[in-house]
Amino acid sequence: MAYICEICEKKTIVGRSQRHKRGVAGKRWRKKAPATRRVFRPNLQKATLNIAGKKTKMRICTKCLKRIKKSSAVGDYKNITVG
């Protein structure tokens, strides 16, 4: 199963991690450390949602979960409750 939010389709992205850009107390390093590749993953949670009267288990990001708890509606889903 892919690491994707089932509501907003937020997914894993690849970026770079910089070790240090400048030296201690603002002085410059002679050689800058190489930028290493890293992975940014969404914070997915397993939640049981009531969608139109049916209980459905979904893996959703915390942003969507917060939005559902606040307004009980996300995008195409109009009648959603958590639990």
Protein backbone atom coordinates (compact mmCIF):
# COMPACT_ATOMS: atom_id res chain seq x y z
CA MET A 1 0.00 0.00 0.00
CA ALA A 2 1.41 3.38 -1.00
CA TYR A 3 2.20 6.03 1.58
CA ILE A 4 -0.52 8.44 0.41
CA CYS A 5 -3.36 10.27 2.18
CA GLU A 6 -6.64 8.84 0.89
CA ILE A 7 -8.46 12.19 0.99
CA CYS A 8 -6.05 14.88 -0.25
CA GLU A 9 -3.57 12.49 -1.94
CA LYS A 10 -0.59 14.02 -0.16
CA LYS A 11 2.41 11.74 -0.76
CA THR A 12 6.09 11.22 -0.08
CA ILE A 13 8.47 13.74 -1.64
CA VAL A 14 12.25 13.74 -1.94
CA GLY A 15 14.39 16.70 -0.98
CA ARG A 16 17.83 17.61 0.23
CA SER A 17 19.26 18.02 3.69
CA GLN A 18 22.07 20.55 4.14
CA ARG A 19 24.48 19.73 6.94
CA HIS A 20 25.58 23.29 7.59
CA LYS A 21 25.56 26.43 5.52
CA ARG A 22 27.73 28.64 7.70
CA GLY A 23 30.23 28.06 10.44
CA VAL A 24 29.94 28.65 14.16
CA ALA A 25 29.20 32.28 15.13
CA GLY A 26 28.73 33.37 11.53
CA LYS A 27 32.18 32.46 10.24
CA ARG A 28 32.47 30.59 6.93
CA TRP A 29 33.52 26.98 6.60
CA ARG A 30 36.32 26.34 4.15
CA LYS A 31 34.37 23.54 2.48
CA LYS A 32 30.62 23.28 2.60
CA ALA A 33 29.24 19.86 3.52
CA PRO A 34 27.47 18.00 0.67
CA ALA A 35 23.71 18.13 0.46
CA THR A 36 22.39 14.66 1.22
CA ARG A 37 19.10 13.36 -0.15
CA ARG A 38 16.28 12.69 2.29
CA VAL A 39 12.60 11.75 2.28
CA PHE A 40 9.73 13.90 3.55
CA ARG A 41 6.70 11.77 4.44
CA PRO A 42 3.20 12.95 5.38
CA ASN A 43 2.04 12.26 8.93
CA LEU A 44 -0.53 9.54 8.18
CA GLN A 45 -2.92 8.20 10.81
CA LYS A 46 -5.37 5.32 10.66
CA ALA A 47 -8.87 6.62 11.30
CA THR A 48 -12.34 5.11 11.19
CA LEU A 49 -14.71 7.54 9.50
CA ASN A 50 -18.48 7.52 9.09
CA ILE A 51 -19.08 8.47 5.47
CA ALA A 52 -22.79 8.65 4.59
CA GLY A 53 -23.62 6.19 7.40
CA LYS A 54 -20.93 3.61 6.51
CA LYS A 55 -17.86 3.06 8.67
CA THR A 56 -14.68 3.15 6.62
CA LYS A 57 -11.08 2.72 7.74
CA MET A 58 -8.76 5.17 6.00
CA ARG A 59 -5.17 6.34 6.21
CA ILE A 60 -5.37 10.13 6.26
CA CYS A 61 -2.91 12.91 7.04
CA THR A 62 -3.24 14.88 10.25
CA LYS A 63 -4.20 18.04 8.35
CA CYS A 64 -7.27 16.28 6.92
CA LEU A 65 -8.06 14.73 10.31
CA LYS A 66 -7.98 18.18 11.93
CA ARG A 67 -10.18 19.59 9.16
CA ILE A 68 -12.72 16.76 9.62
CA LYS A 69 -12.86 17.23 13.40
CA LYS A 70 -13.36 20.97 12.99
CA SER A 71 -15.98 21.19 10.25
CA SER A 72 -17.10 17.58 9.55
CA ALA A 73 -16.60 18.08 5.80
CA VAL A 74 -13.67 17.65 3.43
CA GLY A 75 -13.89 18.06 -0.34
CA ASP A 76 -16.30 15.55 -1.88
CA TYR A 77 -17.22 14.02 1.50
CA LYS A 78 -20.02 16.09 3.03
CA ASN A 79 -21.26 13.89 5.88
CA ILE A 80 -18.15 12.76 7.77
CA THR A 81 -17.68 12.07 11.46
CA VAL A 82 -14.63 10.58 13.17
CA GLY A 83 -15.05 7.48 15.30
